[in-house]
Amino acid sequence: MARRGFHYDRTAVAHALIDLVKDGILTCEGKPRRYQYAQKRSPLK
């Protein structure tokens, strides 16, 4: 994201991603600090 000009605090991004995982919109796989996130379903439903 930084390469595209978006400079957000890592903890803010991580918190938002975890919230989306808890809501069932995203899934995460991988090892700690190296997670990859994928969309489970459309956020509009």
N, C-alpha and C. Protein backbone atom coordinates (compact mmCIF):
# COMPACT_ATOMS: atom_id res chain seq x y z
N MET A 1 0.82 -1.18 0.00
CA MET A 1 0.00 0.00 0.00
C MET A 1 0.87 1.25 0.00
N ALA A 2 2.00 1.19 0.66
CA ALA A 2 2.88 2.36 0.71
C ALA A 2 3.38 2.73 -0.67
N ARG A 3 3.60 1.73 -1.53
CA ARG A 3 4.05 2.01 -2.89
C ARG A 3 3.02 2.80 -3.68
N ARG A 4 1.75 2.65 -3.30
CA ARG A 4 0.67 3.36 -3.98
C ARG A 4 0.35 4.70 -3.33
N GLY A 5 1.09 5.04 -2.26
CA GLY A 5 0.90 6.34 -1.63
C GLY A 5 0.03 6.34 -0.40
N PHE A 6 -0.36 5.15 0.09
CA PHE A 6 -1.18 5.05 1.29
C PHE A 6 -0.27 4.71 2.46
N HIS A 7 -0.15 5.62 3.40
CA HIS A 7 0.75 5.42 4.54
C HIS A 7 -0.07 5.33 5.82
N TYR A 8 -0.52 4.12 6.14
CA TYR A 8 -1.32 3.88 7.33
C TYR A 8 -0.46 3.16 8.37
N ASP A 9 -0.79 3.36 9.63
CA ASP A 9 -0.14 2.65 10.71
C ASP A 9 -0.45 1.16 10.58
N ARG A 10 0.56 0.31 10.70
CA ARG A 10 0.37 -1.14 10.55
C ARG A 10 -0.66 -1.69 11.53
N THR A 11 -0.66 -1.17 12.75
CA THR A 11 -1.61 -1.69 13.74
C THR A 11 -3.04 -1.34 13.37
N ALA A 12 -3.25 -0.19 12.75
CA ALA A 12 -4.60 0.19 12.33
C ALA A 12 -5.09 -0.73 11.22
N VAL A 13 -4.21 -1.05 10.28
CA VAL A 13 -4.58 -1.95 9.18
C VAL A 13 -4.85 -3.35 9.73
N ALA A 14 -3.98 -3.83 10.62
CA ALA A 14 -4.14 -5.16 11.19
C ALA A 14 -5.46 -5.26 11.96
N HIS A 15 -5.80 -4.22 12.72
CA HIS A 15 -7.05 -4.23 13.48
C HIS A 15 -8.25 -4.28 12.54
N ALA A 16 -8.22 -3.53 11.47
CA ALA A 16 -9.33 -3.54 10.51
C ALA A 16 -9.47 -4.91 9.85
N LEU A 17 -8.35 -5.54 9.51
CA LEU A 17 -8.40 -6.86 8.89
C LEU A 17 -8.94 -7.90 9.86
N ILE A 18 -8.53 -7.86 11.11
CA ILE A 18 -9.03 -8.82 12.11
C ILE A 18 -10.53 -8.64 12.31
N ASP A 19 -11.01 -7.40 12.31
CA ASP A 19 -12.45 -7.16 12.43
C ASP A 19 -13.21 -7.78 11.26
N LEU A 20 -12.66 -7.69 10.06
CA LEU A 20 -13.31 -8.29 8.89
C LEU A 20 -13.28 -9.82 8.96
N VAL A 21 -12.24 -10.39 9.54
CA VAL A 21 -12.19 -11.84 9.74
C VAL A 21 -13.26 -12.25 10.74
N LYS A 22 -13.40 -11.52 11.83
CA LYS A 22 -14.41 -11.83 12.84
C LYS A 22 -15.82 -11.70 12.30
N ASP A 23 -16.03 -10.78 11.36
CA ASP A 23 -17.35 -10.59 10.75
C ASP A 23 -17.64 -11.63 9.67
N GLY A 24 -16.64 -12.45 9.34
CA GLY A 24 -16.83 -13.51 8.36
C GLY A 24 -16.68 -13.04 6.92
N ILE A 25 -16.14 -11.87 6.70
CA ILE A 25 -15.97 -11.36 5.34
C ILE A 25 -14.64 -11.82 4.75
N LEU A 26 -13.61 -11.91 5.59
CA LEU A 26 -12.30 -12.36 5.15
C LEU A 26 -11.90 -13.64 5.87
N THR A 27 -10.99 -14.37 5.26
CA THR A 27 -10.32 -15.48 5.94
C THR A 27 -8.83 -15.15 5.96
N CYS A 28 -8.12 -15.73 6.92
CA CYS A 28 -6.67 -15.50 6.93
C CYS A 28 -5.97 -16.83 7.08
N GLU A 29 -4.84 -16.95 6.38
CA GLU A 29 -4.02 -18.15 6.43
C GLU A 29 -2.57 -17.71 6.58
N GLY A 30 -1.77 -18.57 7.12
CA GLY A 30 -0.35 -18.29 7.21
C GLY A 30 0.16 -18.28 8.63
N LYS A 31 1.39 -17.85 8.76
CA LYS A 31 2.05 -17.78 10.06
C LYS A 31 1.90 -16.38 10.64
N PRO A 32 2.02 -16.24 11.96
CA PRO A 32 1.94 -14.91 12.56
C PRO A 32 2.87 -13.91 11.87
N ARG A 33 2.37 -12.74 11.67
CA ARG A 33 3.05 -11.62 10.99
C ARG A 33 3.22 -11.83 9.49
N ARG A 34 2.72 -12.95 8.96
CA ARG A 34 2.83 -13.23 7.53
C ARG A 34 1.50 -13.75 6.99
N TYR A 35 0.39 -13.29 7.57
CA TYR A 35 -0.92 -13.75 7.14
C TYR A 35 -1.25 -13.25 5.75
N GLN A 36 -2.03 -14.06 5.03
CA GLN A 36 -2.60 -13.64 3.76
C GLN A 36 -4.10 -13.69 3.92
N TYR A 37 -4.77 -12.65 3.46
CA TYR A 37 -6.20 -12.52 3.63
C TYR A 37 -6.90 -12.71 2.29
N ALA A 38 -8.05 -13.36 2.33
CA ALA A 38 -8.84 -13.58 1.12
C ALA A 38 -10.30 -13.30 1.46
N GLN A 39 -11.03 -12.78 0.48
CA GLN A 39 -12.43 -12.46 0.67
C GLN A 39 -13.27 -13.72 0.64
N LYS A 40 -14.11 -13.90 1.65
CA LYS A 40 -14.99 -15.05 1.75
C LYS A 40 -16.30 -14.81 1.00
N ARG A 41 -16.86 -13.62 1.22
CA ARG A 41 -18.15 -13.28 0.60
C ARG A 41 -18.20 -11.79 0.37
N SER A 42 -19.20 -11.36 -0.36
CA SER A 42 -19.35 -9.95 -0.66
C SER A 42 -19.71 -9.17 0.60
N PRO A 43 -19.08 -8.02 0.86
CA PRO A 43 -19.40 -7.24 2.05
C PRO A 43 -20.75 -6.54 1.96
N LEU A 44 -21.40 -6.58 0.80
CA LEU A 44 -22.69 -5.90 0.62
C LEU A 44 -23.86 -6.73 1.10
N LYS A 45 -23.66 -7.98 1.42
CA LYS A 45 -24.77 -8.83 1.86
C LYS A 45 -25.00 -8.71 3.33
